[in-house]
């Protein structure tokens, strides 16, 4: 059975739009199912953010021992524990990246995005040959867009407001639209 047949078999009965692109590193065989379609990434965008952080560490532009002071306005709704902790906490970039990887912490992610720069994440993606893959929003912007509050200034996008509005807001958002899609 070919790799392509295996993918198609695994996708049978899937209720939704699925995209898969794989390459067997041992044999070089490649297969794709909707592999050229654009998809919003959700938390998968955290992977290139981590890659860029480690690229900057390797280049000497950042240190994993560098400390960031958690502020109330840094807290982001959704996944993670940092939003529950006391402002003033000193957290290293090493701790932030661990929280991103282990619990998909949105606050840690946005702090790292701010530190490394979204434009640098996207430049690294292009250097790696991922021409159609880009990071277009941080966690805060994605979540507030999802509940229809994307037009608020960042300082008004608080965890409390999100929790209050998310209970009744229709889900949707514009971030995965054609003009802002990521793959």
C-alpha atoms as a PDB file:
ATOM      1  CA  UNK A   1       0.000   0.000   0.000  1.00  0.00           C
ATOM      2  CA  UNK A   2       1.431   3.375  -0.991  1.00  0.00           C
ATOM      3  CA  UNK A   3       1.857   6.255   1.404  1.00  0.00           C
ATOM      4  CA  UNK A   4      -0.817   8.146  -0.538  1.00  0.00           C
ATOM      5  CA  UNK A   5      -3.265   5.236  -0.143  1.00  0.00           C
ATOM      6  CA  UNK A   6      -2.570   5.111   3.599  1.00  0.00           C
ATOM      7  CA  UNK A   7      -3.356   8.815   3.962  1.00  0.00           C
ATOM      8  CA  UNK A   8      -6.547   8.539   1.931  1.00  0.00           C
ATOM      9  CA  UNK A   9      -7.618   5.524   4.011  1.00  0.00           C
ATOM     10  CA  UNK A  10      -6.991   7.339   7.276  1.00  0.00           C
ATOM     11  CA  UNK A  11      -8.993  10.333   6.016  1.00  0.00           C
ATOM     12  CA  UNK A  12     -12.046   8.317   4.999  1.00  0.00           C
ATOM     13  CA  UNK A  13     -15.070   9.332   6.994  1.00  0.00           C
ATOM     14  CA  UNK A  14     -13.432  12.505   8.306  1.00  0.00           C
ATOM     15  CA  UNK A  15     -16.131  15.146   8.631  1.00  0.00           C
ATOM     16  CA  UNK A  16     -14.368  18.338   7.659  1.00  0.00           C
ATOM     17  CA  UNK A  17     -11.626  19.691   5.462  1.00  0.00           C
ATOM     18  CA  UNK A  18      -8.342  17.867   5.954  1.00  0.00           C
ATOM     19  CA  UNK A  19      -4.908  18.702   4.629  1.00  0.00           C
ATOM     20  CA  UNK A  20      -1.898  16.411   4.953  1.00  0.00           C
ATOM     21  CA  UNK A  21       1.535  16.513   3.355  1.00  0.00           C
ATOM     22  CA  UNK A  22       4.138  13.934   4.384  1.00  0.00           C
ATOM     23  CA  UNK A  23       7.514  12.647   3.285  1.00  0.00           C
ATOM     24  CA  UNK A  24       9.028   9.350   4.388  1.00  0.00           C
ATOM     25  CA  UNK A  25      12.549  10.373   5.370  1.00  0.00           C
ATOM     26  CA  UNK A  26      13.905   6.867   4.822  1.00  0.00           C
ATOM     27  CA  UNK A  27      12.602   6.271   1.310  1.00  0.00           C
ATOM     28  CA  UNK A  28      11.932   9.809   0.099  1.00  0.00           C
ATOM     29  CA  UNK A  29       8.352   8.845  -0.821  1.00  0.00           C
ATOM     30  CA  UNK A  30       6.022  11.838  -0.541  1.00  0.00           C
ATOM     31  CA  UNK A  31       2.253  12.064  -0.503  1.00  0.00           C
ATOM     32  CA  UNK A  32      -0.317  14.786  -0.119  1.00  0.00           C
ATOM     33  CA  UNK A  33      -4.027  15.170   0.441  1.00  0.00           C
ATOM     34  CA  UNK A  34      -5.069  18.802  -0.101  1.00  0.00           C
ATOM     35  CA  UNK A  35      -1.443  19.627   0.682  1.00  0.00           C
ATOM     36  CA  UNK A  36      -1.474  22.825  -1.361  1.00  0.00           C
ATOM     37  CA  UNK A  37      -4.605  24.283   0.266  1.00  0.00           C
ATOM     38  CA  UNK A  38      -4.338  27.063   2.826  1.00  0.00           C
ATOM     39  CA  UNK A  39      -5.469  26.319   6.392  1.00  0.00           C
ATOM     40  CA  UNK A  40      -5.535  28.466   9.535  1.00  0.00           C
ATOM     41  CA  UNK A  41      -2.951  27.119  11.944  1.00  0.00           C
ATOM     42  CA  UNK A  42      -4.435  27.777  15.411  1.00  0.00           C
ATOM     43  CA  UNK A  43      -1.813  26.806  18.038  1.00  0.00           C
ATOM     44  CA  UNK A  44       0.409  25.153  15.436  1.00  0.00           C
ATOM     45  CA  UNK A  45       1.750  28.672  14.768  1.00  0.00           C
ATOM     46  CA  UNK A  46       3.626  28.277  18.061  1.00  0.00           C
ATOM     47  CA  UNK A  47       6.095  25.899  16.372  1.00  0.00           C
ATOM     48  CA  UNK A  48       7.699  28.510  14.084  1.00  0.00           C
ATOM     49  CA  UNK A  49       7.747  30.954  17.011  1.00  0.00           C
ATOM     50  CA  UNK A  50       9.796  28.408  18.978  1.00  0.00           C
ATOM     51  CA  UNK A  51      12.056  27.826  15.959  1.00  0.00           C
ATOM     52  CA  UNK A  52      12.718  31.577  15.718  1.00  0.00           C
ATOM     53  CA  UNK A  53      13.448  31.851  19.438  1.00  0.00           C
ATOM     54  CA  UNK A  54      16.049  29.077  19.229  1.00  0.00           C
ATOM     55  CA  UNK A  55      17.478  30.609  16.027  1.00  0.00           C
ATOM     56  CA  UNK A  56      17.987  33.879  17.909  1.00  0.00           C
ATOM     57  CA  UNK A  57      19.519  32.054  20.878  1.00  0.00           C
ATOM     58  CA  UNK A  58      21.933  30.256  18.543  1.00  0.00           C
ATOM     59  CA  UNK A  59      22.836  33.582  16.884  1.00  0.00           C
ATOM     60  CA  UNK A  60      23.473  35.209  20.282  1.00  0.00           C
ATOM     61  CA  UNK A  61      20.574  37.655  19.881  1.00  0.00           C
ATOM     62  CA  UNK A  62      18.642  36.148  22.803  1.00  0.00           C
ATOM     63  CA  UNK A  63      19.404  34.075  25.884  1.00  0.00           C
ATOM     64  CA  UNK A  64      17.159  31.419  27.399  1.00  0.00           C
ATOM     65  CA  UNK A  65      18.173  32.847  30.795  1.00  0.00           C
ATOM     66  CA  UNK A  66      16.783  36.291  29.887  1.00  0.00           C
ATOM     67  CA  UNK A  67      13.990  37.254  32.257  1.00  0.00           C
ATOM     68  CA  UNK A  68      10.608  38.710  31.419  1.00  0.00           C
ATOM     69  CA  UNK A  69       8.459  40.280  34.126  1.00  0.00           C
ATOM     70  CA  UNK A  70       4.828  39.162  33.891  1.00  0.00           C
ATOM     71  CA  UNK A  71       2.436  42.100  33.845  1.00  0.00           C
ATOM     72  CA  UNK A  72      -1.342  42.003  34.200  1.00  0.00           C
ATOM     73  CA  UNK A  73      -1.717  43.388  30.669  1.00  0.00           C
ATOM     74  CA  UNK A  74       0.424  40.508  29.305  1.00  0.00           C
ATOM     75  CA  UNK A  75      -2.118  37.885  30.347  1.00  0.00           C
ATOM     76  CA  UNK A  76      -3.921  36.164  27.475  1.00  0.00           C
ATOM     77  CA  UNK A  77      -7.117  34.081  27.703  1.00  0.00           C
ATOM     78  CA  UNK A  78      -7.285  30.428  26.802  1.00  0.00           C
ATOM     79  CA  UNK A  79      -4.643  27.777  27.335  1.00  0.00           C
ATOM     80  CA  UNK A  80      -1.980  28.036  29.969  1.00  0.00           C
ATOM     81  CA  UNK A  81      -1.201  28.870  33.557  1.00  0.00           C
ATOM     82  CA  UNK A  82       0.548  32.244  33.385  1.00  0.00           C
ATOM     83  CA  UNK A  83      -2.792  34.061  33.184  1.00  0.00           C
ATOM     84  CA  UNK A  84      -3.522  32.718  36.689  1.00  0.00           C
ATOM     85  CA  UNK A  85      -0.265  33.891  38.279  1.00  0.00           C
ATOM     86  CA  UNK A  86       0.599  37.083  40.117  1.00  0.00           C
ATOM     87  CA  UNK A  87       1.928  40.018  38.099  1.00  0.00           C
ATOM     88  CA  UNK A  88       5.560  40.825  38.869  1.00  0.00           C
ATOM     89  CA  UNK A  89       6.686  37.226  38.462  1.00  0.00           C
ATOM     90  CA  UNK A  90      10.075  36.982  36.720  1.00  0.00           C
ATOM     91  CA  UNK A  91      10.029  34.216  34.110  1.00  0.00           C
ATOM     92  CA  UNK A  92      12.942  33.190  31.894  1.00  0.00           C
ATOM     93  CA  UNK A  93      12.589  32.685  28.147  1.00  0.00           C
ATOM     94  CA  UNK A  94      13.453  29.036  28.887  1.00  0.00           C
ATOM     95  CA  UNK A  95      10.421  28.802  31.197  1.00  0.00           C
ATOM     96  CA  UNK A  96       8.203  30.543  28.649  1.00  0.00           C
ATOM     97  CA  UNK A  97       9.168  28.187  25.834  1.00  0.00           C
ATOM     98  CA  UNK A  98       8.634  25.174  28.116  1.00  0.00           C
ATOM     99  CA  UNK A  99       5.150  26.452  28.977  1.00  0.00           C
ATOM    100  CA  UNK A 100       4.445  26.946  25.263  1.00  0.00           C
ATOM    101  CA  UNK A 101       5.461  23.381  24.477  1.00  0.00           C
ATOM    102  CA  UNK A 102       3.999  21.565  27.486  1.00  0.00           C
ATOM    103  CA  UNK A 103       0.677  23.348  28.091  1.00  0.00           C
ATOM    104  CA  UNK A 104       0.386  25.522  24.954  1.00  0.00           C
ATOM    105  CA  UNK A 105       0.406  28.602  27.199  1.00  0.00           C
ATOM    106  CA  UNK A 106      -1.010  31.567  25.258  1.00  0.00           C
ATOM    107  CA  UNK A 107       0.522  34.209  27.539  1.00  0.00           C
ATOM    108  CA  UNK A 108       3.965  32.606  27.196  1.00  0.00           C
ATOM    109  CA  UNK A 109       3.493  32.474  23.435  1.00  0.00           C
ATOM    110  CA  UNK A 110       2.592  36.140  23.105  1.00  0.00           C
ATOM    111  CA  UNK A 111       5.500  37.178  25.351  1.00  0.00           C
ATOM    112  CA  UNK A 112       7.882  35.237  23.114  1.00  0.00           C
ATOM    113  CA  UNK A 113       6.275  36.585  19.917  1.00  0.00           C
ATOM    114  CA  UNK A 114       6.788  40.095  21.302  1.00  0.00           C
ATOM    115  CA  UNK A 115      10.421  39.298  22.178  1.00  0.00           C
ATOM    116  CA  UNK A 116      11.460  37.660  18.892  1.00  0.00           C
ATOM    117  CA  UNK A 117       9.240  39.670  16.529  1.00  0.00           C
ATOM    118  CA  UNK A 118       6.524  38.318  14.259  1.00  0.00           C
ATOM    119  CA  UNK A 119       8.300  39.687  11.183  1.00  0.00           C
ATOM    120  CA  UNK A 120      11.431  37.709  12.119  1.00  0.00           C
ATOM    121  CA  UNK A 121       9.359  34.532  12.567  1.00  0.00           C
ATOM    122  CA  UNK A 122       7.981  35.050   9.063  1.00  0.00           C
ATOM    123  CA  UNK A 123      11.438  35.784   7.618  1.00  0.00           C
ATOM    124  CA  UNK A 124      12.717  32.519   9.084  1.00  0.00           C
ATOM    125  CA  UNK A 125       9.776  30.636   7.592  1.00  0.00           C
ATOM    126  CA  UNK A 126      10.659  32.062   4.168  1.00  0.00           C
ATOM    127  CA  UNK A 127      14.350  31.146   4.621  1.00  0.00           C
ATOM    128  CA  UNK A 128      13.231  27.594   5.399  1.00  0.00           C
ATOM    129  CA  UNK A 129      11.331  27.491   2.101  1.00  0.00           C
ATOM    130  CA  UNK A 130       7.850  27.840   3.603  1.00  0.00           C
ATOM    131  CA  UNK A 131       6.792  30.623   1.252  1.00  0.00           C
ATOM    132  CA  UNK A 132       3.051  30.319   1.904  1.00  0.00           C
ATOM    133  CA  UNK A 133       3.293  29.816   5.657  1.00  0.00           C
ATOM    134  CA  UNK A 134       3.156  32.891   7.845  1.00  0.00           C
ATOM    135  CA  UNK A 135       2.188  34.021  11.298  1.00  0.00           C
ATOM    136  CA  UNK A 136      -0.390  36.799  11.029  1.00  0.00           C
ATOM    137  CA  UNK A 137      -1.647  37.224  14.595  1.00  0.00           C
ATOM    138  CA  UNK A 138      -0.679  36.416  18.143  1.00  0.00           C
ATOM    139  CA  UNK A 139      -2.885  34.417  20.521  1.00  0.00           C
ATOM    140  CA  UNK A 140      -4.629  37.496  21.949  1.00  0.00           C
ATOM    141  CA  UNK A 141      -5.606  38.780  18.507  1.00  0.00           C
ATOM    142  CA  UNK A 142      -6.769  35.354  17.305  1.00  0.00           C
ATOM    143  CA  UNK A 143      -8.951  34.800  20.377  1.00  0.00           C
ATOM    144  CA  UNK A 144     -10.529  38.258  20.401  1.00  0.00           C
ATOM    145  CA  UNK A 145     -11.176  38.050  16.673  1.00  0.00           C
ATOM    146  CA  UNK A 146     -12.865  34.687  17.240  1.00  0.00           C
ATOM    147  CA  UNK A 147     -15.496  36.350  19.452  1.00  0.00           C
ATOM    148  CA  UNK A 148     -15.903  39.407  17.240  1.00  0.00           C
ATOM    149  CA  UNK A 149     -13.831  41.885  19.270  1.00  0.00           C
ATOM    150  CA  UNK A 150     -10.894  42.221  16.906  1.00  0.00           C
ATOM    151  CA  UNK A 151     -11.285  45.999  16.593  1.00  0.00           C
ATOM    152  CA  UNK A 152     -10.400  46.717  20.242  1.00  0.00           C
ATOM    153  CA  UNK A 153      -6.983  48.174  21.110  1.00  0.00           C
ATOM    154  CA  UNK A 154      -4.705  45.580  22.750  1.00  0.00           C
ATOM    155  CA  UNK A 155      -4.848  47.280  26.160  1.00  0.00           C
ATOM    156  CA  UNK A 156      -8.613  46.629  26.259  1.00  0.00           C
ATOM    157  CA  UNK A 157      -8.259  42.934  25.327  1.00  0.00           C
ATOM    158  CA  UNK A 158      -8.179  41.551  28.874  1.00  0.00           C
ATOM    159  CA  UNK A 159      -8.767  38.037  30.149  1.00  0.00           C
ATOM    160  CA  UNK A 160     -11.773  39.293  32.134  1.00  0.00           C
ATOM    161  CA  UNK A 161     -13.423  40.885  29.091  1.00  0.00           C
ATOM    162  CA  UNK A 162     -12.764  37.793  27.009  1.00  0.00           C
ATOM    163  CA  UNK A 163     -14.300  35.489  29.626  1.00  0.00           C
ATOM    164  CA  UNK A 164     -17.335  37.750  29.969  1.00  0.00           C
ATOM    165  CA  UNK A 165     -17.985  38.077  26.231  1.00  0.00           C
ATOM    166  CA  UNK A 166     -16.986  34.568  25.145  1.00  0.00           C
ATOM    167  CA  UNK A 167     -19.956  33.016  26.950  1.00  0.00           C
ATOM    168  CA  UNK A 168     -22.443  34.625  24.570  1.00  0.00           C
ATOM    169  CA  UNK A 169     -20.432  35.647  21.511  1.00  0.00           C
ATOM    170  CA  UNK A 170     -21.007  33.848  18.227  1.00  0.00           C
ATOM    171  CA  UNK A 171     -17.859  32.046  17.080  1.00  0.00           C
ATOM    172  CA  UNK A 172     -16.328  32.891  13.755  1.00  0.00           C
ATOM    173  CA  UNK A 173     -13.782  35.610  13.329  1.00  0.00           C
ATOM    174  CA  UNK A 174     -11.954  36.834  10.279  1.00  0.00           C
ATOM    175  CA  UNK A 175      -8.394  35.674  10.957  1.00  0.00           C
ATOM    176  CA  UNK A 176      -8.645  32.546   8.796  1.00  0.00           C
ATOM    177  CA  UNK A 177     -10.120  34.517   5.898  1.00  0.00           C
ATOM    178  CA  UNK A 178      -8.427  34.524   2.520  1.00  0.00           C
ATOM    179  CA  UNK A 179      -6.672  37.816   3.126  1.00  0.00           C
ATOM    180  CA  UNK A 180      -5.034  36.677   6.380  1.00  0.00           C
ATOM    181  CA  UNK A 181      -4.778  32.891   6.013  1.00  0.00           C
ATOM    182  CA  UNK A 182      -1.811  30.862   7.093  1.00  0.00           C
ATOM    183  CA  UNK A 183      -0.825  27.376   6.073  1.00  0.00           C
END
